[in-house]
Structure formats: C-alpha cells, structure tokens
Amino acid sequence: MRYLVVITEDLEDGGYNASCPALPGCHSEGATIEEAMDGIREAIACYLESLSIDDLPAPAPAPVVTEVEVA
C-alpha cells in the first residue's frame, strides 16, 4: 500500500519532520531526509500493524497532491 508522506525542514532545530496525513498521529523525524523517510516507513508499518491487531481497516491512501504555480 502507498501513502502520501509530507516532509518538512525543521528550521528551529535542524533536520526533517515526516508525517502521513492519512494516518493521524503518524510522524517521524531525522537529521536527514533519508532518516526521516526510514522513520516514517517504520511508523506507518507499526500504525497499520496496530490497526490489524485491533481488527480495524487500514485507512485509504490520501489523494494525489501536486503543486500549482501562482504569479
């Protein structure tokens, strides 16, 4: 299953924050984008596993997000 992940730079503390909007509370951080991505993959896997243990369905992946240029 594929989920949208949002990565933002942490301007105050340095590093990067990663979150998965389709899974409330599912987030991670890392010193690099790669570390943040590794962490969010693990967080998503744990989130989905906990849903499975509780016999709850996995949320549908979020819609496609794109950029728009504004003059």
PDB file of N, CA and C in Angstrom:
ATOM      1  N   MET A   1       0.843  -1.163   0.000  1.00  0.00           N
ATOM      2  CA  MET A   1       0.000   0.000   0.000  1.00  0.00           C
ATOM      3  C   MET A   1       0.899   1.240   0.000  1.00  0.00           C
ATOM      4  N   ARG A   2       0.478   2.274  -0.692  1.00  0.00           N
ATOM      5  CA  ARG A   2       1.253   3.515  -0.756  1.00  0.00           C
ATOM      6  C   ARG A   2       0.486   4.630  -0.057  1.00  0.00           C
ATOM      7  N   TYR A   3       1.199   5.380   0.758  1.00  0.00           N
ATOM      8  CA  TYR A   3       0.619   6.521   1.451  1.00  0.00           C
ATOM      9  C   TYR A   3       1.428   7.774   1.143  1.00  0.00           C
ATOM     10  N   LEU A   4       0.731   8.888   1.075  1.00  0.00           N
ATOM     11  CA  LEU A   4       1.376  10.180   0.899  1.00  0.00           C
ATOM     12  C   LEU A   4       2.134  10.525   2.177  1.00  0.00           C
ATOM     13  N   VAL A   5       3.362  10.976   2.015  1.00  0.00           N
ATOM     14  CA  VAL A   5       4.189  11.399   3.139  1.00  0.00           C
ATOM     15  C   VAL A   5       4.610  12.841   2.890  1.00  0.00           C
ATOM     16  N   VAL A   6       4.516  13.665   3.906  1.00  0.00           N
ATOM     17  CA  VAL A   6       4.929  15.063   3.815  1.00  0.00           C
ATOM     18  C   VAL A   6       6.201  15.231   4.641  1.00  0.00           C
ATOM     19  N   ILE A   7       7.226  15.782   4.012  1.00  0.00           N
ATOM     20  CA  ILE A   7       8.484  16.035   4.710  1.00  0.00           C
ATOM     21  C   ILE A   7       8.717  17.539   4.738  1.00  0.00           C
ATOM     22  N   THR A   8       8.990  18.056   5.922  1.00  0.00           N
ATOM     23  CA  THR A   8       9.281  19.478   6.071  1.00  0.00           C
ATOM     24  C   THR A   8      10.599  19.646   6.816  1.00  0.00           C
ATOM     25  N   GLU A   9      11.302  20.701   6.469  1.00  0.00           N
ATOM     26  CA  GLU A   9      12.550  21.002   7.151  1.00  0.00           C
ATOM     27  C   GLU A   9      12.233  21.669   8.484  1.00  0.00           C
ATOM     28  N   ASP A  10      12.896  21.234   9.526  1.00  0.00           N
ATOM     29  CA  ASP A  10      12.719  21.832  10.855  1.00  0.00           C
ATOM     30  C   ASP A  10      13.700  22.993  10.975  1.00  0.00           C
ATOM     31  N   LEU A  11      13.220  24.194  10.744  1.00  0.00           N
ATOM     32  CA  LEU A  11      14.087  25.368  10.713  1.00  0.00           C
ATOM     33  C   LEU A  11      14.606  25.757  12.094  1.00  0.00           C
ATOM     34  N   GLU A  12      13.894  25.392  13.149  1.00  0.00           N
ATOM     35  CA  GLU A  12      14.332  25.738  14.508  1.00  0.00           C
ATOM     36  C   GLU A  12      15.406  24.791  15.028  1.00  0.00           C
ATOM     37  N   ASP A  13      15.169  23.499  14.886  1.00  0.00           N
ATOM     38  CA  ASP A  13      16.067  22.503  15.473  1.00  0.00           C
ATOM     39  C   ASP A  13      16.970  21.821  14.456  1.00  0.00           C
ATOM     40  N   GLY A  14      16.753  22.072  13.170  1.00  0.00           N
ATOM     41  CA  GLY A  14      17.502  21.361  12.142  1.00  0.00           C
ATOM     42  C   GLY A  14      16.873  20.006  11.887  1.00  0.00           C
ATOM     43  N   GLY A  15      17.262  19.376  10.835  1.00  0.00           N
ATOM     44  CA  GLY A  15      16.717  18.070  10.493  1.00  0.00           C
ATOM     45  C   GLY A  15      15.405  18.191   9.744  1.00  0.00           C
ATOM     46  N   TYR A  16      14.673  17.083   9.704  1.00  0.00           N
ATOM     47  CA  TYR A  16      13.451  16.998   8.914  1.00  0.00           C
ATOM     48  C   TYR A  16      12.362  16.272   9.687  1.00  0.00           C
ATOM     49  N   ASN A  17      11.130  16.687   9.473  1.00  0.00           N
ATOM     50  CA  ASN A  17       9.954  16.039  10.051  1.00  0.00           C
ATOM     51  C   ASN A  17       9.177  15.374   8.928  1.00  0.00           C
ATOM     52  N   ALA A  18       8.679  14.183   9.181  1.00  0.00           N
ATOM     53  CA  ALA A  18       7.879  13.458   8.197  1.00  0.00           C
ATOM     54  C   ALA A  18       6.553  13.079   8.837  1.00  0.00           C
ATOM     55  N   SER A  19       5.481  13.210   8.069  1.00  0.00           N
ATOM     56  CA  SER A  19       4.166  12.820   8.570  1.00  0.00           C
ATOM     57  C   SER A  19       3.375  12.163   7.452  1.00  0.00           C
ATOM     58  N   CYS A  20       2.371  11.407   7.856  1.00  0.00           N
ATOM     59  CA  CYS A  20       1.485  10.725   6.917  1.00  0.00           C
ATOM     60  C   CYS A  20       0.066  11.225   7.192  1.00  0.00           C
ATOM     61  N   PRO A  21      -0.434  12.171   6.376  1.00  0.00           N
ATOM     62  CA  PRO A  21      -1.742  12.775   6.646  1.00  0.00           C
ATOM     63  C   PRO A  21      -2.905  11.780   6.753  1.00  0.00           C
ATOM     64  N   ALA A  22      -2.834  10.663   6.051  1.00  0.00           N
ATOM     65  CA  ALA A  22      -3.925   9.691   6.093  1.00  0.00           C
ATOM     66  C   ALA A  22      -3.970   8.920   7.411  1.00  0.00           C
ATOM     67  N   LEU A  23      -2.874   8.983   8.172  1.00  0.00           N
ATOM     68  CA  LEU A  23      -2.776   8.240   9.431  1.00  0.00           C
ATOM     69  C   LEU A  23      -2.512   9.237  10.565  1.00  0.00           C
ATOM     70  N   PRO A  24      -3.557   9.747  11.196  1.00  0.00           N
ATOM     71  CA  PRO A  24      -3.399  10.775  12.231  1.00  0.00           C
ATOM     72  C   PRO A  24      -2.415  10.359  13.321  1.00  0.00           C
ATOM     73  N   GLY A  25      -1.499  11.259  13.629  1.00  0.00           N
ATOM     74  CA  GLY A  25      -0.515  10.997  14.667  1.00  0.00           C
ATOM     75  C   GLY A  25       0.688  10.210  14.208  1.00  0.00           C
ATOM     76  N   CYS A  26       0.721   9.830  12.950  1.00  0.00           N
ATOM     77  CA  CYS A  26       1.826   9.035  12.417  1.00  0.00           C
ATOM     78  C   CYS A  26       2.886   9.987  11.869  1.00  0.00           C
ATOM     79  N   HIS A  27       3.999  10.092  12.591  1.00  0.00           N
ATOM     80  CA  HIS A  27       5.048  11.007  12.160  1.00  0.00           C
ATOM     81  C   HIS A  27       6.403  10.524  12.643  1.00  0.00           C
ATOM     82  N   SER A  28       7.442  11.132  12.109  1.00  0.00           N
ATOM     83  CA  SER A  28       8.801  10.777  12.467  1.00  0.00           C
ATOM     84  C   SER A  28       9.690  11.981  12.212  1.00  0.00           C
ATOM     85  N   GLU A  29      10.948  11.857  12.562  1.00  0.00           N
ATOM     86  CA  GLU A  29      11.910  12.915  12.285  1.00  0.00           C
ATOM     87  C   GLU A  29      13.275  12.295  12.057  1.00  0.00           C
ATOM     88  N   GLY A  30      14.163  13.066  11.475  1.00  0.00           N
ATOM     89  CA  GLY A  30      15.508  12.584  11.243  1.00  0.00           C
ATOM     90  C   GLY A  30      16.440  13.730  10.921  1.00  0.00           C
ATOM     91  N   ALA A  31      17.726  13.484  11.064  1.00  0.00           N
ATOM     92  CA  ALA A  31      18.723  14.503  10.759  1.00  0.00           C
ATOM     93  C   ALA A  31      18.790  14.766   9.260  1.00  0.00           C
ATOM     94  N   THR A  32      18.443  13.753   8.469  1.00  0.00           N
ATOM     95  CA  THR A  32      18.439  13.876   7.009  1.00  0.00           C
ATOM     96  C   THR A  32      17.073  13.446   6.482  1.00  0.00           C
ATOM     97  N   ILE A  33      16.820  13.760   5.215  1.00  0.00           N
ATOM     98  CA  ILE A  33      15.569  13.309   4.596  1.00  0.00           C
ATOM     99  C   ILE A  33      15.497  11.789   4.615  1.00  0.00           C
ATOM    100  N   GLU A  34      16.623  11.131   4.346  1.00  0.00           N
ATOM    101  CA  GLU A  34      16.646   9.664   4.332  1.00  0.00           C
ATOM    102  C   GLU A  34      16.282   9.094   5.697  1.00  0.00           C
ATOM    103  N   GLU A  35      16.816   9.690   6.765  1.00  0.00           N
ATOM    104  CA  GLU A  35      16.478   9.218   8.113  1.00  0.00           C
ATOM    105  C   GLU A  35      15.004   9.449   8.418  1.00  0.00           C
ATOM    106  N   ALA A  36      14.477  10.592   8.010  1.00  0.00           N
ATOM    107  CA  ALA A  36      13.054  10.873   8.224  1.00  0.00           C
ATOM    108  C   ALA A  36      12.199   9.879   7.449  1.00  0.00           C
ATOM    109  N   MET A  37      12.602   9.547   6.212  1.00  0.00           N
ATOM    110  CA  MET A  37      11.859   8.575   5.404  1.00  0.00           C
ATOM    111  C   MET A  37      11.912   7.180   6.029  1.00  0.00           C
ATOM    112  N   ASP A  38      13.082   6.777   6.500  1.00  0.00           N
ATOM    113  CA  ASP A  38      13.186   5.473   7.161  1.00  0.00           C
ATOM    114  C   ASP A  38      12.272   5.424   8.383  1.00  0.00           C
ATOM    115  N   GLY A  39      12.268   6.510   9.148  1.00  0.00           N
ATOM    116  CA  GLY A  39      11.435   6.561  10.347  1.00  0.00           C
ATOM    117  C   GLY A  39       9.953   6.527  10.037  1.00  0.00           C
ATOM    118  N   ILE A  40       9.524   7.248   9.002  1.00  0.00           N
ATOM    119  CA  ILE A  40       8.089   7.269   8.685  1.00  0.00           C
ATOM    120  C   ILE A  40       7.649   5.930   8.107  1.00  0.00           C
ATOM    121  N   ARG A  41       8.525   5.256   7.361  1.00  0.00           N
ATOM    122  CA  ARG A  41       8.181   3.901   6.882  1.00  0.00           C
ATOM    123  C   ARG A  41       7.901   2.979   8.067  1.00  0.00           C
ATOM    124  N   GLU A  42       8.784   3.039   9.060  1.00  0.00           N
ATOM    125  CA  GLU A  42       8.608   2.207  10.254  1.00  0.00           C
ATOM    126  C   GLU A  42       7.347   2.613  11.020  1.00  0.00           C
ATOM    127  N   ALA A  43       7.105   3.919  11.138  1.00  0.00           N
ATOM    128  CA  ALA A  43       5.917   4.401  11.848  1.00  0.00           C
ATOM    129  C   ALA A  43       4.637   3.948  11.148  1.00  0.00           C
ATOM    130  N   ILE A  44       4.620   4.017   9.815  1.00  0.00           N
ATOM    131  CA  ILE A  44       3.444   3.571   9.056  1.00  0.00           C
ATOM    132  C   ILE A  44       3.227   2.080   9.250  1.00  0.00           C
ATOM    133  N   ALA A  45       4.307   1.299   9.176  1.00  0.00           N
ATOM    134  CA  ALA A  45       4.187  -0.151   9.360  1.00  0.00           C
ATOM    135  C   ALA A  45       3.627  -0.475  10.746  1.00  0.00           C
ATOM    136  N   CYS A  46       4.121   0.202  11.784  1.00  0.00           N
ATOM    137  CA  CYS A  46       3.627  -0.027  13.151  1.00  0.00           C
ATOM    138  C   CYS A  46       2.167   0.395  13.289  1.00  0.00           C
ATOM    139  N   TYR A  47       1.812   1.514  12.689  1.00  0.00           N
ATOM    140  CA  TYR A  47       0.441   2.025  12.732  1.00  0.00           C
ATOM    141  C   TYR A  47      -0.505   1.003  12.108  1.00  0.00           C
ATOM    142  N   LEU A  48      -0.144   0.522  10.909  1.00  0.00           N
ATOM    143  CA  LEU A  48      -1.002  -0.444  10.218  1.00  0.00           C
ATOM    144  C   LEU A  48      -1.071  -1.772  10.969  1.00  0.00           C
ATOM    145  N   GLU A  49       0.045  -2.178  11.577  1.00  0.00           N
ATOM    146  CA  GLU A  49       0.049  -3.412  12.362  1.00  0.00           C
ATOM    147  C   GLU A  49      -0.883  -3.286  13.564  1.00  0.00           C
ATOM    148  N   SER A  50      -0.868  -2.130  14.225  1.00  0.00           N
ATOM    149  CA  SER A  50      -1.747  -1.959  15.388  1.00  0.00           C
ATOM    150  C   SER A  50      -3.215  -1.965  14.973  1.00  0.00           C
ATOM    151  N   LEU A  51      -3.520  -1.407  13.794  1.00  0.00           N
ATOM    152  CA  LEU A  51      -4.897  -1.480  13.296  1.00  0.00           C
ATOM    153  C   LEU A  51      -5.300  -2.930  13.051  1.00  0.00           C
ATOM    154  N   SER A  52      -4.385  -3.691  12.456  1.00  0.00           N
ATOM    155  CA  SER A  52      -4.655  -5.097  12.154  1.00  0.00           C
ATOM    156  C   SER A  52      -4.898  -5.895  13.435  1.00  0.00           C
ATOM    157  N   ILE A  53      -4.092  -5.643  14.457  1.00  0.00           N
ATOM    158  CA  ILE A  53      -4.250  -6.344  15.735  1.00  0.00           C
ATOM    159  C   ILE A  53      -5.626  -6.072  16.329  1.00  0.00           C
ATOM    160  N   ASP A  54      -6.106  -4.845  16.151  1.00  0.00           N
ATOM    161  CA  ASP A  54      -7.420  -4.458  16.676  1.00  0.00           C
ATOM    162  C   ASP A  54      -8.554  -4.734  15.697  1.00  0.00           C
ATOM    163  N   ASP A  55      -8.258  -5.458  14.622  1.00  0.00           N
ATOM    164  CA  ASP A  55      -9.244  -5.782  13.581  1.00  0.00           C
ATOM    165  C   ASP A  55      -9.922  -4.544  13.002  1.00  0.00           C
ATOM    166  N   LEU A  56      -9.139  -3.484  12.819  1.00  0.00           N
ATOM    167  CA  LEU A  56      -9.644  -2.259  12.210  1.00  0.00           C
ATOM    168  C   LEU A  56      -9.102  -2.147  10.788  1.00  0.00           C
ATOM    169  N   PRO A  57      -9.870  -1.578   9.877  1.00  0.00           N
ATOM    170  CA  PRO A  57      -9.398  -1.451   8.497  1.00  0.00           C
ATOM    171  C   PRO A  57      -8.328  -0.361   8.373  1.00  0.00           C
ATOM    172  N   ALA A  58      -7.441  -0.551   7.431  1.00  0.00           N
ATOM    173  CA  ALA A  58      -6.442   0.475   7.134  1.00  0.00           C
ATOM    174  C   ALA A  58      -7.116   1.610   6.377  1.00  0.00           C
ATOM    175  N   PRO A  59      -6.823   2.847   6.735  1.00  0.00           N
ATOM    176  CA  PRO A  59      -7.407   3.973   6.001  1.00  0.00           C
ATOM    177  C   PRO A  59      -6.978   3.955   4.539  1.00  0.00           C
ATOM    178  N   ALA A  60      -7.838   4.463   3.692  1.00  0.00           N
ATOM    179  CA  ALA A  60      -7.494   4.565   2.274  1.00  0.00           C
ATOM    180  C   ALA A  60      -6.350   5.554   2.119  1.00  0.00           C
ATOM    181  N   PRO A  61      -5.448   5.284   1.184  1.00  0.00           N
ATOM    182  CA  PRO A  61      -4.369   6.238   0.938  1.00  0.00           C
ATOM    183  C   PRO A  61      -4.930   7.608   0.563  1.00  0.00           C
ATOM    184  N   ALA A  62      -4.180   8.636   0.894  1.00  0.00           N
ATOM    185  CA  ALA A  62      -4.596  10.013   0.605  1.00  0.00           C
ATOM    186  C   ALA A  62      -4.593  10.265  -0.902  1.00  0.00           C
ATOM    187  N   PRO A  63      -5.352  11.248  -1.346  1.00  0.00           N
ATOM    188  CA  PRO A  63      -5.374  11.578  -2.772  1.00  0.00           C
ATOM    189  C   PRO A  63      -4.025  12.119  -3.235  1.00  0.00           C
ATOM    190  N   VAL A  64      -3.850  12.169  -4.529  1.00  0.00           N
ATOM    191  CA  VAL A  64      -2.624  12.707  -5.110  1.00  0.00           C
ATOM    192  C   VAL A  64      -2.551  14.205  -4.835  1.00  0.00           C
ATOM    193  N   VAL A  65      -1.386  14.661  -4.454  1.00  0.00           N
ATOM    194  CA  VAL A  65      -1.160  16.076  -4.184  1.00  0.00           C
ATOM    195  C   VAL A  65      -0.129  16.583  -5.176  1.00  0.00           C
ATOM    196  N   THR A  66      -0.340  17.765  -5.701  1.00  0.00           N
ATOM    197  CA  THR A  66       0.596  18.340  -6.653  1.00  0.00           C
ATOM    198  C   THR A  66       0.813  19.813  -6.333  1.00  0.00           C
ATOM    199  N   GLU A  67       1.701  20.439  -7.061  1.00  0.00           N
ATOM    200  CA  GLU A  67       1.993  21.854  -6.860  1.00  0.00           C
ATOM    201  C   GLU A  67       1.283  22.689  -7.908  1.00  0.00           C
ATOM    202  N   VAL A  68       1.036  23.939  -7.561  1.00  0.00           N
ATOM    203  CA  VAL A  68       0.474  24.888  -8.509  1.00  0.00           C
ATOM    204  C   VAL A  68       1.299  26.170  -8.398  1.00  0.00           C
ATOM    205  N   GLU A  69       1.638  26.749  -9.525  1.00  0.00           N
ATOM    206  CA  GLU A  69       2.405  27.992  -9.519  1.00  0.00           C
ATOM    207  C   GLU A  69       1.446  29.172  -9.584  1.00  0.00           C
ATOM    208  N   VAL A  70       1.681  30.138  -8.726  1.00  0.00           N
ATOM    209  CA  VAL A  70       0.846  31.335  -8.687  1.00  0.00           C
ATOM    210  C   VAL A  70       1.745  32.531  -8.973  1.00  0.00           C
ATOM    211  N   ALA A  71       1.312  33.371  -9.883  1.00  0.00           N
ATOM    212  CA  ALA A  71       2.134  34.536 -10.263  1.00  0.00           C
ATOM    213  C   ALA A  71       2.195  35.565  -9.179  1.00  0.00           C
TER     214      ALA A  71
END
